Amino acid sequence: MIEDLQLRNYSPLTIRSYIESVADFARFFNKSPDHLGPEDIRKYQLHLVHEKKVAWSTLQVRIAALKFLYMQTLKQEWFVQEVAKPKVRRKLPTVLSREEVAALLDATPNLKHRALLATLYATGLRCAEVLQLKITDIDSQRMVIGVREGKGQRPRQVMLSPKLLALLRAYWRWRKPPDWLFPGKKPGSPMHPSGVRQICQQLAEKTRIKKQVSPHIIRHTTATHLLRAGVDINTVRAWLGHVSVDTTNIYAETDIEMKAKALAACEIGPDPKKRVGRWKNDPGLMEFLRGL
């Protein structure tokens, strides 16, 4: 299965996730997956939902891994017809206010942590993308940051703001990282994502922010703030590395200010009777306007 994934150019993170999912499935029955069938997969799904109470998104990953195993590696065509595919209920993402973002940045005395969080917010990159940044990815001449391999191994560039550049320069003069922009404890390796999540949680507690705070919520926040600032949605889509604009559209639904403006634009106005002359030939509409 590993070779099949590698030949299809799946990312190392996806390969690891799929292998762990299949290994968990095999451990549950204490059997090799090639000796298990549709009914066994159904029992495993029910176990994940009712006993382990995994998130629906996690269940989707588990089923995707098993689908790859049975259809691509074991060549079992029954998988699509026999295995239930979970329907995931879409939730609106949590979004921080500008004041909450500022509070998080101001709460840490650690320059590395401040530079890390500022990079997450100012670029809207995924946590894994930020941690894969190297010093050479910061192009101060063109004021862009290069993402060598984003999700789906698609490279892209995002804008580098002057304030973020100044902060990264101050951080570099202090820390002088030789290769990775945010090196981890293990020499020659970047920080681990769990360490970034822990930083976010600790700062949320310190600042008494009641909302959940994580690297991905900071990404949601960046997207929403970009749309609120009037940035075109297709520009935001390219900035975030989304394949479809439908994925980006969800951030428009989280922006209360945008909704308020849309509501104001849909209102008739304070005194629609002043515009009656435009519709004087429509008796029904005239009667309606007189009642306003």
C-alpha atoms as a PDB file:
ATOM      1  CA  MET A   1       0.000   0.000   0.000  1.00  0.00           C
ATOM      2  CA  ILE A   2       2.843   2.383   0.812  1.00  0.00           C
ATOM      3  CA  GLU A   3       4.339   1.920  -2.649  1.00  0.00           C
ATOM      4  CA  ASP A   4       0.928   2.502  -4.260  1.00  0.00           C
ATOM      5  CA  LEU A   5       0.594   5.767  -2.347  1.00  0.00           C
ATOM      6  CA  GLN A   6       4.109   6.856  -3.257  1.00  0.00           C
ATOM      7  CA  LEU A   7       3.586   6.064  -6.956  1.00  0.00           C
ATOM      8  CA  ARG A   8       0.517   8.323  -6.915  1.00  0.00           C
ATOM      9  CA  ASN A   9       2.607  11.090  -5.322  1.00  0.00           C
ATOM     10  CA  TYR A  10       0.618  11.320  -2.099  1.00  0.00           C
ATOM     11  CA  SER A  11       2.179  13.614   0.510  1.00  0.00           C
ATOM     12  CA  PRO A  12       4.134  12.104   3.426  1.00  0.00           C
ATOM     13  CA  LEU A  13       1.454  13.352   5.841  1.00  0.00           C
ATOM     14  CA  THR A  14      -1.323  11.629   3.882  1.00  0.00           C
ATOM     15  CA  ILE A  15       0.700   8.423   3.603  1.00  0.00           C
ATOM     16  CA  ARG A  16       1.298   8.363   7.345  1.00  0.00           C
ATOM     17  CA  SER A  17      -2.382   9.083   8.068  1.00  0.00           C
ATOM     18  CA  TYR A  18      -3.584   6.326   5.718  1.00  0.00           C
ATOM     19  CA  ILE A  19      -1.134   3.749   7.090  1.00  0.00           C
ATOM     20  CA  GLU A  20      -2.132   4.556  10.690  1.00  0.00           C
ATOM     21  CA  SER A  21      -5.822   4.258   9.763  1.00  0.00           C
ATOM     22  CA  VAL A  22      -5.377   0.843   8.124  1.00  0.00           C
ATOM     23  CA  ALA A  23      -3.228  -0.356  11.045  1.00  0.00           C
ATOM     24  CA  ASP A  24      -5.977   0.668  13.506  1.00  0.00           C
ATOM     25  CA  PHE A  25      -8.552  -1.228  11.406  1.00  0.00           C
ATOM     26  CA  ALA A  26      -6.377  -4.369  11.437  1.00  0.00           C
ATOM     27  CA  ARG A  27      -5.759  -4.121  15.198  1.00  0.00           C
ATOM     28  CA  PHE A  28      -9.486  -3.830  15.880  1.00  0.00           C
ATOM     29  CA  PHE A  29     -10.105  -7.301  14.374  1.00  0.00           C
ATOM     30  CA  ASN A  30      -6.599  -8.670  14.973  1.00  0.00           C
ATOM     31  CA  LYS A  31      -6.618  -9.780  11.327  1.00  0.00           C
ATOM     32  CA  SER A  32      -5.060  -8.754   8.076  1.00  0.00           C
ATOM     33  CA  PRO A  33      -7.392  -6.453   6.067  1.00  0.00           C
ATOM     34  CA  ASP A  34      -7.320  -8.813   3.064  1.00  0.00           C
ATOM     35  CA  HIS A  35      -9.282 -11.305   5.216  1.00  0.00           C
ATOM     36  CA  LEU A  36     -11.949  -8.733   6.108  1.00  0.00           C
ATOM     37  CA  GLY A  37     -14.983  -7.601   4.132  1.00  0.00           C
ATOM     38  CA  PRO A  38     -17.895  -5.130   3.977  1.00  0.00           C
ATOM     39  CA  GLU A  39     -19.581  -6.294   7.190  1.00  0.00           C
ATOM     40  CA  ASP A  40     -16.331  -5.932   9.089  1.00  0.00           C
ATOM     41  CA  ILE A  41     -15.890  -2.389   7.793  1.00  0.00           C
ATOM     42  CA  ARG A  42     -19.441  -1.603   8.918  1.00  0.00           C
ATOM     43  CA  LYS A  43     -18.680  -2.921  12.440  1.00  0.00           C
ATOM     44  CA  TYR A  44     -15.522  -0.801  12.505  1.00  0.00           C
ATOM     45  CA  GLN A  45     -17.434   2.303  11.429  1.00  0.00           C
ATOM     46  CA  LEU A  46     -20.015   1.785  14.178  1.00  0.00           C
ATOM     47  CA  HIS A  47     -17.191   1.287  16.690  1.00  0.00           C
ATOM     48  CA  LEU A  48     -15.612   4.596  15.665  1.00  0.00           C
ATOM     49  CA  VAL A  49     -18.922   6.472  15.834  1.00  0.00           C
ATOM     50  CA  HIS A  50     -20.523   5.024  18.978  1.00  0.00           C
ATOM     51  CA  GLU A  51     -17.589   3.947  21.136  1.00  0.00           C
ATOM     52  CA  LYS A  52     -14.624   6.085  20.153  1.00  0.00           C
ATOM     53  CA  LYS A  53     -16.896   9.013  19.193  1.00  0.00           C
ATOM     54  CA  VAL A  54     -14.482  10.292  16.561  1.00  0.00           C
ATOM     55  CA  ALA A  55     -15.262  13.454  14.613  1.00  0.00           C
ATOM     56  CA  TRP A  56     -16.999  12.968  11.277  1.00  0.00           C
ATOM     57  CA  SER A  57     -13.988  14.414   9.504  1.00  0.00           C
ATOM     58  CA  THR A  58     -11.792  11.768  11.183  1.00  0.00           C
ATOM     59  CA  LEU A  59     -14.208   9.057  10.089  1.00  0.00           C
ATOM     60  CA  GLN A  60     -13.944  10.348   6.531  1.00  0.00           C
ATOM     61  CA  VAL A  61     -10.154   9.997   6.610  1.00  0.00           C
ATOM     62  CA  ARG A  62     -10.417   6.434   7.953  1.00  0.00           C
ATOM     63  CA  ILE A  63     -12.856   5.449   5.204  1.00  0.00           C
ATOM     64  CA  ALA A  64     -10.717   7.144   2.531  1.00  0.00           C
ATOM     65  CA  ALA A  65      -7.710   5.119   3.703  1.00  0.00           C
ATOM     66  CA  LEU A  66      -9.654   1.845   3.592  1.00  0.00           C
ATOM     67  CA  LYS A  67     -11.084   2.758   0.179  1.00  0.00           C
ATOM     68  CA  PHE A  68      -7.571   3.241  -1.178  1.00  0.00           C
ATOM     69  CA  LEU A  69      -6.428  -0.052   0.336  1.00  0.00           C
ATOM     70  CA  TYR A  70      -9.293  -2.148  -0.993  1.00  0.00           C
ATOM     71  CA  MET A  71      -9.724  -0.510  -4.400  1.00  0.00           C
ATOM     72  CA  GLN A  72      -6.176   0.434  -5.390  1.00  0.00           C
ATOM     73  CA  THR A  73      -4.029  -2.148  -3.600  1.00  0.00           C
ATOM     74  CA  LEU A  74      -6.345  -5.155  -3.173  1.00  0.00           C
ATOM     75  CA  LYS A  75      -8.451  -4.429  -6.311  1.00  0.00           C
ATOM     76  CA  GLN A  76     -11.782  -5.001  -4.546  1.00  0.00           C
ATOM     77  CA  GLU A  77     -14.516  -3.263  -6.560  1.00  0.00           C
ATOM     78  CA  TRP A  78     -17.269  -3.859  -3.982  1.00  0.00           C
ATOM     79  CA  PHE A  79     -16.073  -1.066  -1.701  1.00  0.00           C
ATOM     80  CA  VAL A  80     -18.009   1.827  -3.318  1.00  0.00           C
ATOM     81  CA  GLN A  81     -21.334  -0.050  -3.355  1.00  0.00           C
ATOM     82  CA  GLU A  82     -21.075  -1.783   0.024  1.00  0.00           C
ATOM     83  CA  VAL A  83     -19.434   0.753   2.362  1.00  0.00           C
ATOM     84  CA  ALA A  84     -21.418   3.677   3.769  1.00  0.00           C
ATOM     85  CA  LYS A  85     -19.876   7.074   3.118  1.00  0.00           C
ATOM     86  CA  PRO A  86     -20.501   9.546   5.971  1.00  0.00           C
ATOM     87  CA  LYS A  87     -22.136  12.848   5.158  1.00  0.00           C
ATOM     88  CA  VAL A  88     -20.296  15.592   7.011  1.00  0.00           C
ATOM     89  CA  ARG A  89     -22.323  18.472   8.382  1.00  0.00           C
ATOM     90  CA  ARG A  90     -20.632  21.715   7.524  1.00  0.00           C
ATOM     91  CA  LYS A  91     -19.877  24.012  10.431  1.00  0.00           C
ATOM     92  CA  LEU A  92     -19.019  27.681  10.208  1.00  0.00           C
ATOM     93  CA  PRO A  93     -15.407  28.232  11.272  1.00  0.00           C
ATOM     94  CA  THR A  94     -14.508  30.105  14.434  1.00  0.00           C
ATOM     95  CA  VAL A  95     -13.110  33.576  13.716  1.00  0.00           C
ATOM     96  CA  LEU A  96     -11.118  35.848  16.012  1.00  0.00           C
ATOM     97  CA  SER A  97     -11.514  39.607  16.066  1.00  0.00           C
ATOM     98  CA  ARG A  98      -8.587  41.904  15.265  1.00  0.00           C
ATOM     99  CA  GLU A  99      -8.423  42.811  18.956  1.00  0.00           C
ATOM    100  CA  GLU A 100      -8.157  39.154  19.934  1.00  0.00           C
ATOM    101  CA  VAL A 101      -5.368  38.567  17.410  1.00  0.00           C
ATOM    102  CA  ALA A 102      -3.484  41.591  18.774  1.00  0.00           C
ATOM    103  CA  ALA A 103      -3.964  40.315  22.321  1.00  0.00           C
ATOM    104  CA  LEU A 104      -2.467  36.922  21.404  1.00  0.00           C
ATOM    105  CA  LEU A 105       0.573  38.533  19.797  1.00  0.00           C
ATOM    106  CA  ASP A 106       1.113  40.934  22.686  1.00  0.00           C
ATOM    107  CA  ALA A 107       0.743  38.193  25.306  1.00  0.00           C
ATOM    108  CA  THR A 108       3.927  36.306  24.453  1.00  0.00           C
ATOM    109  CA  PRO A 109       7.361  37.581  25.539  1.00  0.00           C
ATOM    110  CA  ASN A 110       8.962  34.915  23.324  1.00  0.00           C
ATOM    111  CA  LEU A 111      10.084  36.503  20.056  1.00  0.00           C
ATOM    112  CA  LYS A 112      10.044  33.179  18.211  1.00  0.00           C
ATOM    113  CA  HIS A 113       6.451  32.497  19.255  1.00  0.00           C
ATOM    114  CA  ARG A 114       5.421  36.028  18.318  1.00  0.00           C
ATOM    115  CA  ALA A 115       7.062  35.708  14.884  1.00  0.00           C
ATOM    116  CA  LEU A 116       5.413  32.314  14.371  1.00  0.00           C
ATOM    117  CA  LEU A 117       1.901  33.535  15.241  1.00  0.00           C
ATOM    118  CA  ALA A 118       2.384  36.724  13.211  1.00  0.00           C
ATOM    119  CA  THR A 119       3.428  34.635  10.201  1.00  0.00           C
ATOM    120  CA  LEU A 120       0.336  32.429  10.563  1.00  0.00           C
ATOM    121  CA  TYR A 121      -1.948  35.468  10.676  1.00  0.00           C
ATOM    122  CA  ALA A 122      -0.221  37.719   8.119  1.00  0.00           C
ATOM    123  CA  THR A 123       0.057  34.969   5.489  1.00  0.00           C
ATOM    124  CA  GLY A 124      -2.978  32.754   6.157  1.00  0.00           C
ATOM    125  CA  LEU A 125      -0.797  29.710   5.585  1.00  0.00           C
ATOM    126  CA  ARG A 126      -1.639  26.309   6.990  1.00  0.00           C
ATOM    127  CA  CYS A 127       0.356  25.308  10.073  1.00  0.00           C
ATOM    128  CA  ALA A 128       2.260  22.626   8.129  1.00  0.00           C
ATOM    129  CA  GLU A 129       3.099  25.172   5.400  1.00  0.00           C
ATOM    130  CA  VAL A 130       4.521  27.664   7.915  1.00  0.00           C
ATOM    131  CA  LEU A 131       6.609  24.981   9.603  1.00  0.00           C
ATOM    132  CA  GLN A 132       8.067  23.923   6.232  1.00  0.00           C
ATOM    133  CA  LEU A 133       9.291  27.452   5.487  1.00  0.00           C
ATOM    134  CA  LYS A 134      13.017  27.940   5.148  1.00  0.00           C
ATOM    135  CA  ILE A 135      15.026  31.138   5.344  1.00  0.00           C
ATOM    136  CA  THR A 136      15.442  31.063   1.559  1.00  0.00           C
ATOM    137  CA  ASP A 137      11.635  31.127   1.098  1.00  0.00           C
ATOM    138  CA  ILE A 138      11.499  34.720   2.375  1.00  0.00           C
ATOM    139  CA  ASP A 139      11.991  36.957  -0.647  1.00  0.00           C
ATOM    140  CA  SER A 140      12.411  40.493   0.725  1.00  0.00           C
ATOM    141  CA  GLN A 141      13.241  41.915  -2.720  1.00  0.00           C
ATOM    142  CA  ARG A 142       9.910  40.917  -4.260  1.00  0.00           C
ATOM    143  CA  MET A 143       8.072  40.982  -0.884  1.00  0.00           C
ATOM    144  CA  VAL A 144       6.684  37.465  -1.241  1.00  0.00           C
ATOM    145  CA  ILE A 145       6.924  34.201   0.677  1.00  0.00           C
ATOM    146  CA  GLY A 146       7.311  31.038  -1.379  1.00  0.00           C
ATOM    147  CA  VAL A 147       5.347  27.947  -0.368  1.00  0.00           C
ATOM    148  CA  ARG A 148       7.279  25.128  -1.990  1.00  0.00           C
ATOM    149  CA  GLU A 149       4.722  22.383  -1.340  1.00  0.00           C
ATOM    150  CA  GLY A 150       1.271  23.338  -0.140  1.00  0.00           C
ATOM    151  CA  LYS A 151      -1.693  21.028   0.232  1.00  0.00           C
ATOM    152  CA  GLY A 152      -1.775  18.658  -2.707  1.00  0.00           C
ATOM    153  CA  GLN A 153       1.909  19.525  -3.271  1.00  0.00           C
ATOM    154  CA  ARG A 154       0.898  22.689  -5.144  1.00  0.00           C
ATOM    155  CA  PRO A 155       3.472  25.534  -4.868  1.00  0.00           C
ATOM    156  CA  ARG A 156       2.310  29.139  -4.556  1.00  0.00           C
ATOM    157  CA  GLN A 157       3.400  32.543  -3.301  1.00  0.00           C
ATOM    158  CA  VAL A 158       1.819  34.845  -0.737  1.00  0.00           C
ATOM    159  CA  MET A 159       2.477  38.503  -0.060  1.00  0.00           C
ATOM    160  CA  LEU A 160       5.010  39.506   2.589  1.00  0.00           C
ATOM    161  CA  SER A 161       3.913  42.558   4.547  1.00  0.00           C
ATOM    162  CA  PRO A 162       6.538  45.131   5.614  1.00  0.00           C
ATOM    163  CA  LYS A 163       5.577  44.722   9.296  1.00  0.00           C
ATOM    164  CA  LEU A 164       5.983  40.946   9.147  1.00  0.00           C
ATOM    165  CA  LEU A 165       9.329  41.348   7.366  1.00  0.00           C
ATOM    166  CA  ALA A 166      10.564  43.693  10.110  1.00  0.00           C
ATOM    167  CA  LEU A 167       9.487  41.204  12.794  1.00  0.00           C
ATOM    168  CA  LEU A 168      11.107  38.252  10.985  1.00  0.00           C
ATOM    169  CA  ARG A 169      14.332  40.215  10.616  1.00  0.00           C
ATOM    170  CA  ALA A 170      14.376  40.999  14.340  1.00  0.00           C
ATOM    171  CA  TYR A 171      13.697  37.316  15.084  1.00  0.00           C
ATOM    172  CA  TRP A 172      16.453  36.183  12.688  1.00  0.00           C
ATOM    173  CA  ARG A 173      19.018  38.558  14.253  1.00  0.00           C
ATOM    174  CA  TRP A 174      18.196  37.078  17.653  1.00  0.00           C
ATOM    175  CA  ARG A 175      17.847  33.387  16.809  1.00  0.00           C
ATOM    176  CA  LYS A 176      19.844  33.141  13.539  1.00  0.00           C
ATOM    177  CA  PRO A 177      18.144  29.929  12.310  1.00  0.00           C
ATOM    178  CA  PRO A 178      20.449  28.375   9.677  1.00  0.00           C
ATOM    179  CA  ASP A 179      17.846  26.528   7.584  1.00  0.00           C
ATOM    180  CA  TRP A 180      14.281  26.132   8.847  1.00  0.00           C
ATOM    181  CA  LEU A 181      12.600  29.423   9.679  1.00  0.00           C
ATOM    182  CA  PHE A 182      11.130  27.909  12.866  1.00  0.00           C
ATOM    183  CA  PRO A 183      13.463  25.072  13.933  1.00  0.00           C
ATOM    184  CA  GLY A 184      12.358  22.488  16.471  1.00  0.00           C
ATOM    185  CA  LYS A 185      14.165  20.961  19.411  1.00  0.00           C
ATOM    186  CA  LYS A 186      15.566  18.176  17.241  1.00  0.00           C
ATOM    187  CA  PRO A 187      18.565  19.504  15.284  1.00  0.00           C
ATOM    188  CA  GLY A 188      17.884  19.873  11.582  1.00  0.00           C
ATOM    189  CA  SER A 189      14.110  19.572  11.965  1.00  0.00           C
ATOM    190  CA  PRO A 190      11.301  22.155  12.035  1.00  0.00           C
ATOM    191  CA  MET A 191       8.916  22.620  14.952  1.00  0.00           C
ATOM    192  CA  HIS A 192       6.234  19.978  15.431  1.00  0.00           C
ATOM    193  CA  PRO A 193       2.595  21.027  14.829  1.00  0.00           C
ATOM    194  CA  SER A 194       1.613  19.903  18.337  1.00  0.00           C
ATOM    195  CA  GLY A 195       4.003  22.491  19.757  1.00  0.00           C
ATOM    196  CA  VAL A 196       2.295  25.261  17.782  1.00  0.00           C
ATOM    197  CA  ARG A 197      -1.151  24.124  18.973  1.00  0.00           C
ATOM    198  CA  GLN A 198       0.104  24.150  22.550  1.00  0.00           C
ATOM    199  CA  ILE A 199       1.398  27.727  22.161  1.00  0.00           C
ATOM    200  CA  CYS A 200      -2.018  28.838  20.857  1.00  0.00           C
ATOM    201  CA  GLN A 201      -3.868  27.171  23.732  1.00  0.00           C
ATOM    202  CA  GLN A 202      -1.570  28.632  26.384  1.00  0.00           C
ATOM    203  CA  LEU A 203      -1.905  32.148  25.000  1.00  0.00           C
ATOM    204  CA  ALA A 204      -5.684  31.792  24.740  1.00  0.00           C
ATOM    205  CA  GLU A 205      -5.809  30.919  28.455  1.00  0.00           C
ATOM    206  CA  LYS A 206      -3.444  33.759  29.294  1.00  0.00           C
ATOM    207  CA  THR A 207      -5.532  36.321  27.407  1.00  0.00           C
ATOM    208  CA  ARG A 208      -8.824  34.760  28.608  1.00  0.00           C
ATOM    209  CA  ILE A 209     -10.147  34.349  25.103  1.00  0.00           C
ATOM    210  CA  LYS A 210     -13.155  32.074  25.390  1.00  0.00           C
ATOM    211  CA  LYS A 211     -13.073  30.944  21.762  1.00  0.00           C
ATOM    212  CA  GLN A 212     -11.048  27.972  20.640  1.00  0.00           C
ATOM    213  CA  VAL A 213      -7.658  29.109  19.366  1.00  0.00           C
ATOM    214  CA  SER A 214      -5.533  26.999  17.038  1.00  0.00           C
ATOM    215  CA  PRO A 215      -3.281  27.547  14.009  1.00  0.00           C
ATOM    216  CA  HIS A 216      -6.156  26.683  11.654  1.00  0.00           C
ATOM    217  CA  ILE A 217      -8.522  29.096  13.400  1.00  0.00           C
ATOM    218  CA  ILE A 218      -5.922  31.811  12.839  1.00  0.00           C
ATOM    219  CA  ARG A 219      -6.040  30.857   9.144  1.00  0.00           C
ATOM    220  CA  HIS A 220      -9.863  31.143   9.197  1.00  0.00           C
ATOM    221  CA  THR A 221      -9.455  34.550  10.799  1.00  0.00           C
ATOM    222  CA  THR A 222      -7.048  35.767   8.115  1.00  0.00           C
ATOM    223  CA  ALA A 223      -9.421  34.723   5.334  1.00  0.00           C
ATOM    224  CA  THR A 224     -12.376  36.483   6.957  1.00  0.00           C
ATOM    225  CA  HIS A 225     -10.393  39.662   7.596  1.00  0.00           C
ATOM    226  CA  LEU A 226      -9.178  39.723   3.978  1.00  0.00           C
ATOM    227  CA  LEU A 227     -12.747  39.521   2.676  1.00  0.00           C
ATOM    228  CA  ARG A 228     -13.852  42.175   5.159  1.00  0.00           C
ATOM    229  CA  ALA A 229     -11.100  44.461   3.848  1.00  0.00           C
ATOM    230  CA  GLY A 230     -12.591  44.165   0.365  1.00  0.00           C
ATOM    231  CA  VAL A 231     -10.099  41.726  -1.172  1.00  0.00           C
ATOM    232  CA  ASP A 232     -11.633  39.877  -4.130  1.00  0.00           C
ATOM    233  CA  ILE A 233     -12.705  36.341  -3.223  1.00  0.00           C
ATOM    234  CA  ASN A 234     -10.711  34.784  -6.080  1.00  0.00           C
ATOM    235  CA  THR A 235      -7.595  36.538  -4.786  1.00  0.00           C
ATOM    236  CA  VAL A 236      -8.302  35.134  -1.316  1.00  0.00           C
ATOM    237  CA  ARG A 237      -8.830  31.673  -2.856  1.00  0.00           C
ATOM    238  CA  ALA A 238      -5.419  31.787  -4.543  1.00  0.00           C
ATOM    239  CA  TRP A 239      -3.814  33.246  -1.387  1.00  0.00           C
ATOM    240  CA  LEU A 240      -5.146  30.383   0.769  1.00  0.00           C
ATOM    241  CA  GLY A 241      -4.305  27.711  -1.798  1.00  0.00           C
ATOM    242  CA  HIS A 242      -7.908  26.549  -2.294  1.00  0.00           C
ATOM    243  CA  VAL A 243      -8.660  24.606  -5.458  1.00  0.00           C
ATOM    244  CA  SER A 244     -12.295  25.748  -5.572  1.00  0.00           C
ATOM    245  CA  VAL A 245     -13.788  29.123  -4.678  1.00  0.00           C
ATOM    246  CA  ASP A 246     -16.635  27.205  -3.000  1.00  0.00           C
ATOM    247  CA  THR A 247     -14.223  26.398  -0.167  1.00  0.00           C
ATOM    248  CA  THR A 248     -13.404  30.088   0.224  1.00  0.00           C
ATOM    249  CA  ASN A 249     -17.057  31.166   0.157  1.00  0.00           C
ATOM    250  CA  ILE A 250     -17.635  29.824   3.665  1.00  0.00           C
ATOM    251  CA  TYR A 251     -15.625  32.732   5.070  1.00  0.00           C
ATOM    252  CA  ALA A 252     -18.106  35.230   3.651  1.00  0.00           C
ATOM    253  CA  GLU A 253     -20.740  33.578   5.846  1.00  0.00           C
ATOM    254  CA  THR A 254     -18.699  34.194   9.003  1.00  0.00           C
ATOM    255  CA  ASP A 255     -18.322  37.956   8.485  1.00  0.00           C
ATOM    256  CA  ILE A 256     -20.965  39.796  10.519  1.00  0.00           C
ATOM    257  CA  GLU A 257     -19.926  43.197   9.114  1.00  0.00           C
ATOM    258  CA  MET A 258     -20.382  41.983   5.533  1.00  0.00           C
ATOM    259  CA  LYS A 259     -23.821  40.604   6.413  1.00  0.00           C
ATOM    260  CA  ALA A 260     -24.810  43.919   7.990  1.00  0.00           C
ATOM    261  CA  LYS A 261     -23.758  45.788   4.844  1.00  0.00           C
ATOM    262  CA  ALA A 262     -25.681  43.337   2.677  1.00  0.00           C
ATOM    263  CA  LEU A 263     -28.778  43.782   4.845  1.00  0.00           C
ATOM    264  CA  ALA A 264     -28.503  47.580   4.601  1.00  0.00           C
ATOM    265  CA  ALA A 265     -28.161  47.327   0.822  1.00  0.00           C
ATOM    266  CA  CYS A 266     -31.344  45.234   0.631  1.00  0.00           C
ATOM    267  CA  GLU A 267     -33.450  47.651   2.655  1.00  0.00           C
ATOM    268  CA  ILE A 268     -35.945  49.836   0.756  1.00  0.00           C
ATOM    269  CA  GLY A 269     -34.723  52.988   2.465  1.00  0.00           C
ATOM    270  CA  PRO A 270     -35.991  55.501   5.012  1.00  0.00           C
ATOM    271  CA  ASP A 271     -38.640  57.031   2.728  1.00  0.00           C
ATOM    272  CA  PRO A 272     -39.503  54.965  -0.358  1.00  0.00           C
ATOM    273  CA  LYS A 273     -42.559  57.180  -1.035  1.00  0.00           C
ATOM    274  CA  LYS A 274     -40.197  59.759  -2.580  1.00  0.00           C
ATOM    275  CA  ARG A 275     -39.585  57.275  -5.396  1.00  0.00           C
ATOM    276  CA  VAL A 276     -43.270  56.611  -6.042  1.00  0.00           C
ATOM    277  CA  GLY A 277     -43.199  58.470  -9.345  1.00  0.00           C
ATOM    278  CA  ARG A 278     -41.122  55.680 -10.906  1.00  0.00           C
ATOM    279  CA  TRP A 279     -43.937  53.156 -10.418  1.00  0.00           C
ATOM    280  CA  LYS A 280     -47.082  55.389 -10.693  1.00  0.00           C
ATOM    281  CA  ASN A 281     -48.434  53.205 -13.519  1.00  0.00           C
ATOM    282  CA  ASP A 282     -48.592  50.135 -11.239  1.00  0.00           C
ATOM    283  CA  PRO A 283     -51.712  50.518  -8.985  1.00  0.00           C
ATOM    284  CA  GLY A 284     -50.875  47.452  -6.864  1.00  0.00           C
ATOM    285  CA  LEU A 285     -47.351  48.617  -6.114  1.00  0.00           C
ATOM    286  CA  MET A 286     -48.630  52.162  -5.428  1.00  0.00           C
ATOM    287  CA  GLU A 287     -51.047  50.811  -2.826  1.00  0.00           C
ATOM    288  CA  PHE A 288     -48.234  48.803  -1.217  1.00  0.00           C
ATOM    289  CA  LEU A 289     -45.941  51.831  -1.000  1.00  0.00           C
ATOM    290  CA  ARG A 290     -48.678  53.993   0.561  1.00  0.00           C
ATOM    291  CA  GLY A 291     -48.873  51.494   3.411  1.00  0.00           C
ATOM    292  CA  LEU A 292     -45.170  51.792   4.270  1.00  0.00           C
END
